[in-house]
Amino acid sequence: MTLFLILVIVAIVLGLIGAVAEGLFYLLIIGIVVFIGALVYLVLHIRRSGRRPLDVRGEGLGAALSGARAGPPGVAGYEKRSEVTCG
């Protein structure tokens, strides 16, 4: 993400210089190209990271699918869901 931020800042600076300074229109074009490159980088970075939801209780996928809860045996609230009864 730091690289993305640096690319966006560079694109803004180049774009401003290219728009304001006479005869440096090519810097505006380069700034636009750098900005588009930064957006492409961001999309690829987000796709590649594939963030999964954080497992707060530290159970892991197997325990979550089986319905078991991690914890010491015999402590209320940590039994398997299938063993919990109402009434």
N, C-alpha and C. Protein backbone atom coordinates (compact mmCIF):
# COMPACT_ATOMS: atom_id res chain seq x y z
N MET A 1 0.81 -1.20 0.00
CA MET A 1 0.00 0.00 0.00
C MET A 1 0.85 1.27 0.00
N THR A 2 2.05 1.15 0.54
CA THR A 2 2.93 2.31 0.54
C THR A 2 3.32 2.68 -0.89
N LEU A 3 3.60 1.67 -1.70
CA LEU A 3 3.95 1.92 -3.09
C LEU A 3 2.79 2.60 -3.83
N PHE A 4 1.57 2.17 -3.55
CA PHE A 4 0.40 2.80 -4.18
C PHE A 4 0.33 4.27 -3.81
N LEU A 5 0.50 4.58 -2.53
CA LEU A 5 0.44 5.97 -2.08
C LEU A 5 1.53 6.82 -2.73
N ILE A 6 2.73 6.27 -2.80
CA ILE A 6 3.83 7.01 -3.43
C ILE A 6 3.54 7.26 -4.91
N LEU A 7 3.00 6.24 -5.61
CA LEU A 7 2.67 6.42 -7.03
C LEU A 7 1.60 7.48 -7.23
N VAL A 8 0.60 7.50 -6.35
CA VAL A 8 -0.46 8.51 -6.48
C VAL A 8 0.10 9.90 -6.23
N ILE A 9 0.95 10.05 -5.24
CA ILE A 9 1.55 11.36 -4.96
C ILE A 9 2.41 11.82 -6.13
N VAL A 10 3.21 10.92 -6.69
CA VAL A 10 4.03 11.26 -7.85
C VAL A 10 3.15 11.66 -9.03
N ALA A 11 2.06 10.93 -9.23
CA ALA A 11 1.15 11.24 -10.34
C ALA A 11 0.53 12.62 -10.16
N ILE A 12 0.15 12.95 -8.93
CA ILE A 12 -0.44 14.27 -8.67
C ILE A 12 0.57 15.38 -8.92
N VAL A 13 1.79 15.19 -8.42
CA VAL A 13 2.83 16.21 -8.59
C VAL A 13 3.15 16.40 -10.08
N LEU A 14 3.34 15.30 -10.79
CA LEU A 14 3.63 15.41 -12.23
C LEU A 14 2.46 16.05 -12.98
N GLY A 15 1.25 15.69 -12.61
CA GLY A 15 0.08 16.28 -13.27
C GLY A 15 -0.03 17.76 -13.03
N LEU A 16 0.22 18.18 -11.80
CA LEU A 16 0.15 19.62 -11.50
C LEU A 16 1.23 20.40 -12.24
N ILE A 17 2.44 19.88 -12.22
CA ILE A 17 3.53 20.56 -12.94
C ILE A 17 3.24 20.61 -14.44
N GLY A 18 2.75 19.49 -14.97
CA GLY A 18 2.46 19.45 -16.40
C GLY A 18 1.31 20.35 -16.80
N ALA A 19 0.35 20.55 -15.90
CA ALA A 19 -0.79 21.42 -16.22
C ALA A 19 -0.44 22.90 -16.07
N VAL A 20 0.43 23.23 -15.13
CA VAL A 20 0.72 24.63 -14.83
C VAL A 20 1.90 25.16 -15.66
N ALA A 21 2.98 24.39 -15.74
CA ALA A 21 4.18 24.88 -16.42
C ALA A 21 3.99 24.86 -17.93
N GLU A 22 4.42 25.94 -18.53
CA GLU A 22 4.26 26.06 -19.98
C GLU A 22 5.33 25.22 -20.68
N GLY A 23 4.89 24.40 -21.63
CA GLY A 23 5.81 23.58 -22.40
C GLY A 23 6.11 22.23 -21.76
N LEU A 24 5.49 21.92 -20.63
CA LEU A 24 5.74 20.64 -19.97
C LEU A 24 4.45 19.79 -19.93
N PHE A 25 3.71 19.87 -21.02
CA PHE A 25 2.46 19.11 -21.10
C PHE A 25 2.70 17.61 -21.02
N TYR A 26 3.87 17.18 -21.45
CA TYR A 26 4.19 15.76 -21.41
C TYR A 26 4.23 15.23 -19.98
N LEU A 27 4.52 16.09 -19.00
CA LEU A 27 4.51 15.66 -17.61
C LEU A 27 3.08 15.34 -17.15
N LEU A 28 2.11 16.07 -17.68
CA LEU A 28 0.71 15.77 -17.36
C LEU A 28 0.35 14.38 -17.89
N ILE A 29 0.78 14.07 -19.09
CA ILE A 29 0.51 12.75 -19.68
C ILE A 29 1.20 11.65 -18.85
N ILE A 30 2.44 11.90 -18.47
CA ILE A 30 3.15 10.91 -17.65
C ILE A 30 2.46 10.74 -16.30
N GLY A 31 1.98 11.83 -15.72
CA GLY A 31 1.25 11.75 -14.45
C GLY A 31 -0.02 10.92 -14.57
N ILE A 32 -0.73 11.08 -15.67
CA ILE A 32 -1.95 10.29 -15.89
C ILE A 32 -1.60 8.81 -16.04
N VAL A 33 -0.53 8.52 -16.77
CA VAL A 33 -0.11 7.13 -16.95
C VAL A 33 0.32 6.52 -15.62
N VAL A 34 1.05 7.27 -14.80
CA VAL A 34 1.46 6.77 -13.49
C VAL A 34 0.24 6.52 -12.60
N PHE A 35 -0.74 7.41 -12.66
CA PHE A 35 -1.95 7.23 -11.86
C PHE A 35 -2.71 5.97 -12.28
N ILE A 36 -2.83 5.75 -13.57
CA ILE A 36 -3.50 4.53 -14.06
C ILE A 36 -2.70 3.30 -13.63
N GLY A 37 -1.38 3.39 -13.70
CA GLY A 37 -0.55 2.28 -13.22
C GLY A 37 -0.75 2.02 -11.74
N ALA A 38 -0.91 3.07 -10.95
CA ALA A 38 -1.15 2.91 -9.52
C ALA A 38 -2.48 2.22 -9.27
N LEU A 39 -3.50 2.56 -10.04
CA LEU A 39 -4.81 1.91 -9.88
C LEU A 39 -4.73 0.43 -10.26
N VAL A 40 -4.01 0.12 -11.34
CA VAL A 40 -3.83 -1.28 -11.74
C VAL A 40 -3.09 -2.04 -10.65
N TYR A 41 -2.05 -1.42 -10.08
CA TYR A 41 -1.31 -2.06 -9.00
C TYR A 41 -2.22 -2.33 -7.80
N LEU A 42 -3.07 -1.37 -7.46
CA LEU A 42 -3.97 -1.54 -6.33
C LEU A 42 -4.93 -2.70 -6.56
N VAL A 43 -5.50 -2.78 -7.75
CA VAL A 43 -6.44 -3.87 -8.06
C VAL A 43 -5.72 -5.22 -7.98
N LEU A 44 -4.54 -5.31 -8.55
CA LEU A 44 -3.80 -6.57 -8.49
C LEU A 44 -3.40 -6.94 -7.07
N HIS A 45 -3.05 -5.95 -6.27
CA HIS A 45 -2.66 -6.19 -4.89
C HIS A 45 -3.85 -6.71 -4.07
N ILE A 46 -5.00 -6.13 -4.27
CA ILE A 46 -6.20 -6.56 -3.54
C ILE A 46 -6.60 -7.96 -3.97
N ARG A 47 -6.57 -8.24 -5.25
CA ARG A 47 -6.92 -9.57 -5.74
C ARG A 47 -5.97 -10.64 -5.23
N ARG A 48 -4.69 -10.33 -5.23
CA ARG A 48 -3.67 -11.30 -4.85
C ARG A 48 -3.69 -11.58 -3.36
N SER A 49 -4.00 -10.59 -2.55
CA SER A 49 -3.95 -10.78 -1.10
C SER A 49 -5.03 -11.75 -0.64
N GLY A 50 -6.22 -11.71 -1.23
CA GLY A 50 -7.27 -12.65 -0.89
C GLY A 50 -7.50 -12.77 0.61
N ARG A 51 -7.70 -11.69 1.27
CA ARG A 51 -7.85 -11.70 2.72
C ARG A 51 -9.07 -12.51 3.13
N ARG A 52 -8.86 -13.36 4.13
CA ARG A 52 -9.95 -14.14 4.69
C ARG A 52 -10.37 -13.50 6.00
N PRO A 53 -11.60 -13.74 6.41
CA PRO A 53 -12.05 -13.17 7.68
C PRO A 53 -11.21 -13.67 8.84
N LEU A 54 -10.98 -12.80 9.79
CA LEU A 54 -10.17 -13.13 10.96
C LEU A 54 -10.93 -14.09 11.86
N ASP A 55 -10.27 -15.18 12.28
CA ASP A 55 -10.86 -16.15 13.18
C ASP A 55 -10.58 -15.68 14.61
N VAL A 56 -11.54 -15.03 15.22
CA VAL A 56 -11.34 -14.37 16.50
C VAL A 56 -11.02 -15.37 17.61
N ARG A 57 -11.70 -16.50 17.62
CA ARG A 57 -11.52 -17.47 18.69
C ARG A 57 -10.35 -18.40 18.44
N GLY A 58 -9.74 -18.37 17.26
CA GLY A 58 -8.60 -19.20 16.97
C GLY A 58 -8.94 -20.66 16.77
N GLU A 59 -10.16 -20.93 16.32
CA GLU A 59 -10.59 -22.31 16.18
C GLU A 59 -10.01 -22.98 14.95
N GLY A 60 -9.98 -22.32 13.88
CA GLY A 60 -9.57 -22.94 12.63
C GLY A 60 -10.79 -23.43 11.87
N LEU A 61 -10.58 -23.78 10.62
CA LEU A 61 -11.68 -24.15 9.75
C LEU A 61 -12.33 -25.47 10.15
N GLY A 62 -11.55 -26.45 10.57
CA GLY A 62 -12.10 -27.76 10.93
C GLY A 62 -13.07 -27.68 12.09
N ALA A 63 -12.72 -26.96 13.12
CA ALA A 63 -13.59 -26.83 14.28
C ALA A 63 -14.83 -26.01 13.94
N ALA A 64 -14.67 -25.01 13.09
CA ALA A 64 -15.81 -24.19 12.73
C ALA A 64 -16.83 -25.00 11.92
N LEU A 65 -16.35 -25.88 11.05
CA LEU A 65 -17.26 -26.68 10.24
C LEU A 65 -17.92 -27.79 11.04
N SER A 66 -17.22 -28.34 12.04
CA SER A 66 -17.79 -29.44 12.82
C SER A 66 -18.74 -28.95 13.89
N GLY A 67 -18.71 -27.67 14.21
CA GLY A 67 -19.60 -27.14 15.22
C GLY A 67 -18.98 -27.15 16.61
N ALA A 68 -17.74 -27.57 16.74
CA ALA A 68 -17.09 -27.63 18.04
C ALA A 68 -16.53 -26.26 18.40
N ARG A 69 -16.44 -26.01 19.67
CA ARG A 69 -15.84 -24.78 20.14
C ARG A 69 -14.57 -25.12 20.90
N ALA A 70 -13.55 -24.31 20.72
CA ALA A 70 -12.29 -24.56 21.42
C ALA A 70 -12.42 -24.12 22.87
N GLY A 71 -11.87 -24.89 23.77
CA GLY A 71 -11.89 -24.51 25.17
C GLY A 71 -11.71 -25.72 26.05
N PRO A 72 -11.55 -25.52 27.34
CA PRO A 72 -11.36 -26.64 28.25
C PRO A 72 -12.63 -27.47 28.38
N PRO A 73 -12.50 -28.78 28.48
CA PRO A 73 -13.69 -29.61 28.60
C PRO A 73 -14.42 -29.36 29.91
N GLY A 74 -15.74 -29.42 29.86
CA GLY A 74 -16.55 -29.25 31.06
C GLY A 74 -16.89 -27.82 31.41
N VAL A 75 -16.38 -26.86 30.67
CA VAL A 75 -16.68 -25.46 30.94
C VAL A 75 -17.89 -25.07 30.11
N ALA A 76 -18.85 -24.42 30.76
CA ALA A 76 -20.09 -24.05 30.08
C ALA A 76 -19.80 -23.14 28.89
N GLY A 77 -20.50 -23.39 27.80
CA GLY A 77 -20.35 -22.57 26.61
C GLY A 77 -19.35 -23.10 25.63
N TYR A 78 -18.61 -24.15 25.98
CA TYR A 78 -17.61 -24.69 25.08
C TYR A 78 -17.95 -26.09 24.58
N GLU A 79 -19.16 -26.56 24.87
CA GLU A 79 -19.56 -27.87 24.39
C GLU A 79 -19.86 -27.80 22.90
N LYS A 80 -19.97 -28.96 22.30
CA LYS A 80 -20.39 -28.99 20.90
C LYS A 80 -21.81 -28.49 20.80
N ARG A 81 -22.12 -27.85 19.73
CA ARG A 81 -23.45 -27.30 19.57
C ARG A 81 -24.52 -28.36 19.55
N SER A 82 -24.20 -29.54 19.08
CA SER A 82 -25.19 -30.61 19.01
C SER A 82 -25.56 -31.14 20.40
N GLU A 83 -24.70 -30.91 21.41
CA GLU A 83 -24.96 -31.40 22.75
C GLU A 83 -25.73 -30.41 23.59
N VAL A 84 -25.84 -29.17 23.16
CA VAL A 84 -26.52 -28.14 23.93
C VAL A 84 -28.02 -28.35 23.78
N THR A 85 -28.72 -28.40 24.91
CA THR A 85 -30.17 -28.62 24.88
C THR A 85 -30.87 -27.42 25.47
N CYS A 86 -32.07 -27.21 25.04
CA CYS A 86 -32.89 -26.12 25.59
C CYS A 86 -33.84 -26.71 26.63
N GLY A 87 -34.01 -26.03 27.68
CA GLY A 87 -35.04 -26.48 28.59
C GLY A 87 -34.58 -26.68 29.93
